[in-house]
Amino acid sequence: MMQLYWSPRSRSFSSLWLFEETGQPYERVLTDISTGAQRKLEYLAINPMGKVPALRDGEATLAEAAAIAAYVAERYPEAKLAPPLGDSLRAKYLYWLFFSPGCIEPAIVQLATKIEMNPVAAGWGDSQRVIDVLDNALEKGPWILGDNFSAADIIIGSGLNFAVRLFKMVPSRPSFDAYIDRCAARPAFQRAEKIAAG
């Protein structure tokens, strides 16, 4: 059984939601970052960055929410959280899955902190353009791949919920509100919220 290392009120939410969407059993291993559990040697052996979430699957370990999402979606294809190999939607799925940590998250941090960055030097480019591109994609809905819900929605949806609703780091837009509402209406999202709340 896979072990998910998580902490309440953290980015672990996306992985909790992911596992709840699979319908598969998994073990939650509390790694409470408020107590410094992520700095213990045993945990650093799993994730040397000392962050949550992290995952152990037998001898395999990995961290980073998008990587965990890609891995779990492939391990449980019956959950239909990723288009199968050979499906033309897989290209867009991978794009959006990694657009979130590569572009959305840094753009949100830049907008929230008002740090000036040269768009040519920033790996995510122009933060306002990132938000506009996401807005345009979500207007088409209902999900980032159109009619197909995927692990990319888990990563993007949990990030937007965090940035727009919980911490108000980014101004909302109608497409963001509607998308977060659709995410929050999913039973797996609601179960993950209960788990994360402790």
C-alpha atoms as a PDB file:
ATOM      1  CA  MET A   1       0.000   0.000   0.000  1.00  0.00           C
ATOM      2  CA  MET A   2       1.305   3.460  -0.872  1.00  0.00           C
ATOM      3  CA  GLN A   3       2.221   5.734   2.010  1.00  0.00           C
ATOM      4  CA  LEU A   4       1.454   9.435   1.707  1.00  0.00           C
ATOM      5  CA  TYR A   5       3.485  11.706   3.971  1.00  0.00           C
ATOM      6  CA  TRP A   6       1.380  14.740   4.697  1.00  0.00           C
ATOM      7  CA  SER A   7       0.787  17.585   7.104  1.00  0.00           C
ATOM      8  CA  PRO A   8      -2.406  19.463   7.999  1.00  0.00           C
ATOM      9  CA  ARG A   9      -2.970  22.888   6.430  1.00  0.00           C
ATOM     10  CA  SER A  10      -0.264  22.423   3.808  1.00  0.00           C
ATOM     11  CA  ARG A  11       0.247  21.656   0.141  1.00  0.00           C
ATOM     12  CA  SER A  12      -0.427  18.039   1.042  1.00  0.00           C
ATOM     13  CA  PHE A  13      -4.068  18.772   0.269  1.00  0.00           C
ATOM     14  CA  SER A  14      -3.569  18.110  -3.444  1.00  0.00           C
ATOM     15  CA  SER A  15      -2.196  14.625  -2.757  1.00  0.00           C
ATOM     16  CA  LEU A  16      -4.948  13.840  -0.247  1.00  0.00           C
ATOM     17  CA  TRP A  17      -7.506  14.865  -2.869  1.00  0.00           C
ATOM     18  CA  LEU A  18      -5.666  12.813  -5.501  1.00  0.00           C
ATOM     19  CA  PHE A  19      -5.803   9.646  -3.425  1.00  0.00           C
ATOM     20  CA  GLU A  20      -9.417  10.202  -2.524  1.00  0.00           C
ATOM     21  CA  GLU A  21     -10.197  10.466  -6.257  1.00  0.00           C
ATOM     22  CA  THR A  22      -8.514   7.105  -6.955  1.00  0.00           C
ATOM     23  CA  GLY A  23     -10.753   5.232  -4.540  1.00  0.00           C
ATOM     24  CA  GLN A  24      -7.745   3.067  -3.670  1.00  0.00           C
ATOM     25  CA  PRO A  25      -6.531   2.392  -0.129  1.00  0.00           C
ATOM     26  CA  TYR A  26      -3.480   4.342   1.020  1.00  0.00           C
ATOM     27  CA  GLU A  27      -1.760   4.981   4.315  1.00  0.00           C
ATOM     28  CA  ARG A  28      -1.502   8.529   5.590  1.00  0.00           C
ATOM     29  CA  VAL A  29       1.712   9.185   7.505  1.00  0.00           C
ATOM     30  CA  LEU A  30       1.416  12.386   9.505  1.00  0.00           C
ATOM     31  CA  THR A  31       4.500  14.550   9.087  1.00  0.00           C
ATOM     32  CA  ASP A  32       3.480  17.598  11.029  1.00  0.00           C
ATOM     33  CA  ILE A  33       5.554  20.512   9.750  1.00  0.00           C
ATOM     34  CA  SER A  34       4.432  22.653  12.683  1.00  0.00           C
ATOM     35  CA  THR A  35       6.533  20.414  14.945  1.00  0.00           C
ATOM     36  CA  GLY A  36       9.546  20.162  12.620  1.00  0.00           C
ATOM     37  CA  ALA A  37       8.879  16.520  11.703  1.00  0.00           C
ATOM     38  CA  GLN A  38       9.978  17.244   8.128  1.00  0.00           C
ATOM     39  CA  ARG A  39      13.546  17.945   9.317  1.00  0.00           C
ATOM     40  CA  LYS A  40      14.085  14.549  10.923  1.00  0.00           C
ATOM     41  CA  LEU A  41      16.646  12.304   9.237  1.00  0.00           C
ATOM     42  CA  GLU A  42      14.079   9.567   8.598  1.00  0.00           C
ATOM     43  CA  TYR A  43      11.932  11.979   6.634  1.00  0.00           C
ATOM     44  CA  LEU A  44      14.835  13.616   4.814  1.00  0.00           C
ATOM     45  CA  ALA A  45      15.708  10.146   3.504  1.00  0.00           C
ATOM     46  CA  ILE A  46      12.333  10.212   1.716  1.00  0.00           C
ATOM     47  CA  ASN A  47      12.398  13.863   0.671  1.00  0.00           C
ATOM     48  CA  PRO A  48      15.745  15.640   1.121  1.00  0.00           C
ATOM     49  CA  MET A  49      13.967  18.975   0.574  1.00  0.00           C
ATOM     50  CA  GLY A  50      12.097  18.449   3.836  1.00  0.00           C
ATOM     51  CA  LYS A  51       8.707  19.364   2.365  1.00  0.00           C
ATOM     52  CA  VAL A  52       5.354  17.653   2.181  1.00  0.00           C
ATOM     53  CA  PRO A  53       3.796  15.877   0.423  1.00  0.00           C
ATOM     54  CA  ALA A  54       5.991  12.878  -0.272  1.00  0.00           C
ATOM     55  CA  LEU A  55       5.154   9.341  -1.306  1.00  0.00           C
ATOM     56  CA  ARG A  56       6.551   5.877  -0.682  1.00  0.00           C
ATOM     57  CA  ASP A  57       5.485   3.005  -2.895  1.00  0.00           C
ATOM     58  CA  GLY A  58       7.498  -0.014  -1.820  1.00  0.00           C
ATOM     59  CA  GLU A  59      11.116   0.877  -2.562  1.00  0.00           C
ATOM     60  CA  ALA A  60      10.156   3.914  -4.664  1.00  0.00           C
ATOM     61  CA  THR A  61       9.974   7.350  -3.064  1.00  0.00           C
ATOM     62  CA  LEU A  62       9.154  10.689  -4.603  1.00  0.00           C
ATOM     63  CA  ALA A  63       8.014  14.183  -3.720  1.00  0.00           C
ATOM     64  CA  GLU A  64       6.515  17.241  -5.425  1.00  0.00           C
ATOM     65  CA  ALA A  65       2.758  17.272  -5.804  1.00  0.00           C
ATOM     66  CA  ALA A  66       2.675  17.240  -9.620  1.00  0.00           C
ATOM     67  CA  ALA A  67       5.145  14.331  -9.772  1.00  0.00           C
ATOM     68  CA  ILE A  68       3.075  12.431  -7.205  1.00  0.00           C
ATOM     69  CA  ALA A  69      -0.051  13.143  -9.266  1.00  0.00           C
ATOM     70  CA  ALA A  70       1.565  11.846 -12.460  1.00  0.00           C
ATOM     71  CA  TYR A  71       2.851   8.734 -10.687  1.00  0.00           C
ATOM     72  CA  VAL A  72      -0.410   7.856  -8.922  1.00  0.00           C
ATOM     73  CA  ALA A  73      -2.508   8.504 -12.054  1.00  0.00           C
ATOM     74  CA  GLU A  74      -0.337   6.020 -13.959  1.00  0.00           C
ATOM     75  CA  ARG A  75      -0.378   3.444 -11.141  1.00  0.00           C
ATOM     76  CA  TYR A  76      -4.190   3.523 -11.013  1.00  0.00           C
ATOM     77  CA  PRO A  77      -5.332   3.894 -14.636  1.00  0.00           C
ATOM     78  CA  GLU A  78      -8.811   2.676 -13.699  1.00  0.00           C
ATOM     79  CA  ALA A  79      -9.324   6.001 -11.873  1.00  0.00           C
ATOM     80  CA  LYS A  80      -9.074   7.754 -15.260  1.00  0.00           C
ATOM     81  CA  LEU A  81      -7.055  10.667 -13.873  1.00  0.00           C
ATOM     82  CA  ALA A  82      -4.794  10.812 -16.934  1.00  0.00           C
ATOM     83  CA  PRO A  83      -5.385  10.276 -20.631  1.00  0.00           C
ATOM     84  CA  PRO A  84      -3.754   6.988 -21.682  1.00  0.00           C
ATOM     85  CA  LEU A  85      -0.566   6.807 -23.732  1.00  0.00           C
ATOM     86  CA  GLY A  86      -1.377   7.485 -27.360  1.00  0.00           C
ATOM     87  CA  ASP A  87      -4.374   9.689 -26.575  1.00  0.00           C
ATOM     88  CA  SER A  88      -3.927  13.150 -28.111  1.00  0.00           C
ATOM     89  CA  LEU A  89      -5.223  14.769 -24.881  1.00  0.00           C
ATOM     90  CA  ARG A  90      -2.171  13.432 -23.041  1.00  0.00           C
ATOM     91  CA  ALA A  91       0.000  16.253 -24.401  1.00  0.00           C
ATOM     92  CA  LYS A  92      -2.291  18.931 -22.943  1.00  0.00           C
ATOM     93  CA  TYR A  93      -2.662  16.936 -19.714  1.00  0.00           C
ATOM     94  CA  LEU A  94       1.114  16.894 -19.196  1.00  0.00           C
ATOM     95  CA  TYR A  95       1.356  20.552 -20.178  1.00  0.00           C
ATOM     96  CA  TRP A  96      -1.212  21.661 -17.583  1.00  0.00           C
ATOM     97  CA  LEU A  97       0.007  19.256 -14.905  1.00  0.00           C
ATOM     98  CA  PHE A  98       3.446  20.849 -14.995  1.00  0.00           C
ATOM     99  CA  PHE A  99       2.265  24.360 -15.886  1.00  0.00           C
ATOM    100  CA  SER A 100       0.950  24.627 -12.344  1.00  0.00           C
ATOM    101  CA  PRO A 101       4.239  24.278 -10.408  1.00  0.00           C
ATOM    102  CA  GLY A 102       6.333  25.706 -13.235  1.00  0.00           C
ATOM    103  CA  CYS A 103       4.277  28.807 -14.032  1.00  0.00           C
ATOM    104  CA  ILE A 104       1.173  29.264 -11.874  1.00  0.00           C
ATOM    105  CA  GLU A 105       2.804  28.890  -8.455  1.00  0.00           C
ATOM    106  CA  PRO A 106       5.723  31.255  -9.129  1.00  0.00           C
ATOM    107  CA  ALA A 107       3.406  33.762 -10.803  1.00  0.00           C
ATOM    108  CA  ILE A 108       1.115  33.717  -7.759  1.00  0.00           C
ATOM    109  CA  VAL A 109       4.063  34.279  -5.423  1.00  0.00           C
ATOM    110  CA  GLN A 110       5.308  37.124  -7.609  1.00  0.00           C
ATOM    111  CA  LEU A 111       1.886  38.779  -7.702  1.00  0.00           C
ATOM    112  CA  ALA A 112       1.322  38.340  -3.957  1.00  0.00           C
ATOM    113  CA  THR A 113       4.751  39.664  -2.944  1.00  0.00           C
ATOM    114  CA  LYS A 114       4.914  42.308  -5.694  1.00  0.00           C
ATOM    115  CA  ILE A 115       8.477  41.286  -6.513  1.00  0.00           C
ATOM    116  CA  GLU A 116       9.593  42.794  -9.809  1.00  0.00           C
ATOM    117  CA  MET A 117      11.031  40.236 -12.226  1.00  0.00           C
ATOM    118  CA  ASN A 118      12.262  40.609 -15.760  1.00  0.00           C
ATOM    119  CA  PRO A 119       9.854  38.391 -17.761  1.00  0.00           C
ATOM    120  CA  VAL A 120      12.762  37.259 -19.922  1.00  0.00           C
ATOM    121  CA  ALA A 121      14.725  36.102 -16.858  1.00  0.00           C
ATOM    122  CA  ALA A 122      11.779  34.536 -14.997  1.00  0.00           C
ATOM    123  CA  GLY A 123      11.227  30.888 -15.915  1.00  0.00           C
ATOM    124  CA  TRP A 124       7.458  31.457 -15.896  1.00  0.00           C
ATOM    125  CA  GLY A 125       7.684  34.590 -18.021  1.00  0.00           C
ATOM    126  CA  ASP A 126       5.197  37.347 -17.253  1.00  0.00           C
ATOM    127  CA  SER A 127       3.041  36.636 -14.194  1.00  0.00           C
ATOM    128  CA  GLN A 128       0.021  38.512 -15.522  1.00  0.00           C
ATOM    129  CA  ARG A 129       0.208  36.543 -18.768  1.00  0.00           C
ATOM    130  CA  VAL A 130       0.276  33.278 -16.774  1.00  0.00           C
ATOM    131  CA  ILE A 131      -2.953  34.278 -15.013  1.00  0.00           C
ATOM    132  CA  ASP A 132      -4.532  35.388 -18.303  1.00  0.00           C
ATOM    133  CA  VAL A 133      -3.599  32.109 -20.041  1.00  0.00           C
ATOM    134  CA  LEU A 134      -5.092  30.103 -17.174  1.00  0.00           C
ATOM    135  CA  ASP A 135      -8.219  32.277 -17.159  1.00  0.00           C
ATOM    136  CA  ASN A 136      -8.695  31.746 -20.894  1.00  0.00           C
ATOM    137  CA  ALA A 137      -8.257  27.971 -20.563  1.00  0.00           C
ATOM    138  CA  LEU A 138     -10.700  27.697 -17.661  1.00  0.00           C
ATOM    139  CA  GLU A 139     -13.378  29.759 -19.419  1.00  0.00           C
ATOM    140  CA  LYS A 140     -13.795  26.830 -21.828  1.00  0.00           C
ATOM    141  CA  GLY A 141     -14.364  24.355 -18.954  1.00  0.00           C
ATOM    142  CA  PRO A 142     -15.684  22.568 -17.203  1.00  0.00           C
ATOM    143  CA  TRP A 143     -12.190  21.125 -16.630  1.00  0.00           C
ATOM    144  CA  ILE A 144      -8.742  22.049 -17.873  1.00  0.00           C
ATOM    145  CA  LEU A 145      -9.044  19.310 -20.557  1.00  0.00           C
ATOM    146  CA  GLY A 146     -12.628  20.211 -21.409  1.00  0.00           C
ATOM    147  CA  ASP A 147     -15.077  17.497 -20.392  1.00  0.00           C
ATOM    148  CA  ASN A 148     -12.404  15.242 -18.851  1.00  0.00           C
ATOM    149  CA  PHE A 149     -11.463  15.691 -15.192  1.00  0.00           C
ATOM    150  CA  SER A 150      -7.817  14.753 -14.578  1.00  0.00           C
ATOM    151  CA  ALA A 151      -4.977  14.895 -12.085  1.00  0.00           C
ATOM    152  CA  ALA A 152      -4.051  18.240 -13.685  1.00  0.00           C
ATOM    153  CA  ASP A 153      -7.314  19.632 -12.288  1.00  0.00           C
ATOM    154  CA  ILE A 154      -6.339  18.419  -8.840  1.00  0.00           C
ATOM    155  CA  ILE A 155      -3.023  20.261  -8.976  1.00  0.00           C
ATOM    156  CA  ILE A 156      -4.433  23.432 -10.548  1.00  0.00           C
ATOM    157  CA  GLY A 157      -7.669  23.396  -8.545  1.00  0.00           C
ATOM    158  CA  SER A 158      -5.989  22.957  -5.177  1.00  0.00           C
ATOM    159  CA  GLY A 159      -3.491  25.704  -6.032  1.00  0.00           C
ATOM    160  CA  LEU A 160      -6.212  28.133  -7.098  1.00  0.00           C
ATOM    161  CA  ASN A 161      -8.302  27.343  -4.040  1.00  0.00           C
ATOM    162  CA  PHE A 162      -5.265  28.109  -1.880  1.00  0.00           C
ATOM    163  CA  ALA A 163      -4.290  31.313  -3.716  1.00  0.00           C
ATOM    164  CA  VAL A 164      -7.713  32.767  -4.506  1.00  0.00           C
ATOM    165  CA  ARG A 165     -10.035  31.611  -1.735  1.00  0.00           C
ATOM    166  CA  LEU A 166      -7.985  30.712   1.310  1.00  0.00           C
ATOM    167  CA  PHE A 167      -5.193  33.302   1.227  1.00  0.00           C
ATOM    168  CA  LYS A 168      -6.483  35.851  -1.296  1.00  0.00           C
ATOM    169  CA  MET A 169      -3.062  36.120  -2.924  1.00  0.00           C
ATOM    170  CA  VAL A 170      -4.561  36.573  -6.386  1.00  0.00           C
ATOM    171  CA  PRO A 171      -7.740  38.439  -7.310  1.00  0.00           C
ATOM    172  CA  SER A 172     -10.504  36.119  -8.369  1.00  0.00           C
ATOM    173  CA  ARG A 173     -12.021  36.000 -11.819  1.00  0.00           C
ATOM    174  CA  PRO A 174     -15.355  34.507 -12.856  1.00  0.00           C
ATOM    175  CA  SER A 175     -13.649  31.514 -14.477  1.00  0.00           C
ATOM    176  CA  PHE A 176     -11.598  30.882 -11.321  1.00  0.00           C
ATOM    177  CA  ASP A 177     -14.651  31.064  -9.050  1.00  0.00           C
ATOM    178  CA  ALA A 178     -16.685  28.695 -11.212  1.00  0.00           C
ATOM    179  CA  TYR A 179     -13.769  26.257 -11.512  1.00  0.00           C
ATOM    180  CA  ILE A 180     -13.028  26.237  -7.769  1.00  0.00           C
ATOM    181  CA  ASP A 181     -16.750  25.694  -7.119  1.00  0.00           C
ATOM    182  CA  ARG A 182     -16.740  22.663  -9.447  1.00  0.00           C
ATOM    183  CA  CYS A 183     -13.633  21.286  -7.735  1.00  0.00           C
ATOM    184  CA  ALA A 184     -15.062  21.849  -4.249  1.00  0.00           C
ATOM    185  CA  ALA A 185     -18.289  20.072  -5.233  1.00  0.00           C
ATOM    186  CA  ARG A 186     -16.424  16.831  -5.894  1.00  0.00           C
ATOM    187  CA  PRO A 187     -16.938  14.282  -3.092  1.00  0.00           C
ATOM    188  CA  ALA A 188     -13.210  13.424  -3.084  1.00  0.00           C
ATOM    189  CA  PHE A 189     -12.326  17.103  -2.567  1.00  0.00           C
ATOM    190  CA  GLN A 190     -14.736  17.238   0.368  1.00  0.00           C
ATOM    191  CA  ARG A 191     -13.288  14.078   1.927  1.00  0.00           C
ATOM    192  CA  ALA A 192      -9.770  15.494   1.548  1.00  0.00           C
ATOM    193  CA  GLU A 193     -10.878  18.728   3.249  1.00  0.00           C
ATOM    194  CA  LYS A 194     -12.146  16.745   6.240  1.00  0.00           C
ATOM    195  CA  ILE A 195      -8.863  14.829   6.465  1.00  0.00           C
ATOM    196  CA  ALA A 196      -6.785  18.001   6.123  1.00  0.00           C
ATOM    197  CA  ALA A 197      -8.797  19.757   8.803  1.00  0.00           C
ATOM    198  CA  GLY A 198      -7.736  17.050  11.249  1.00  0.00           C
END
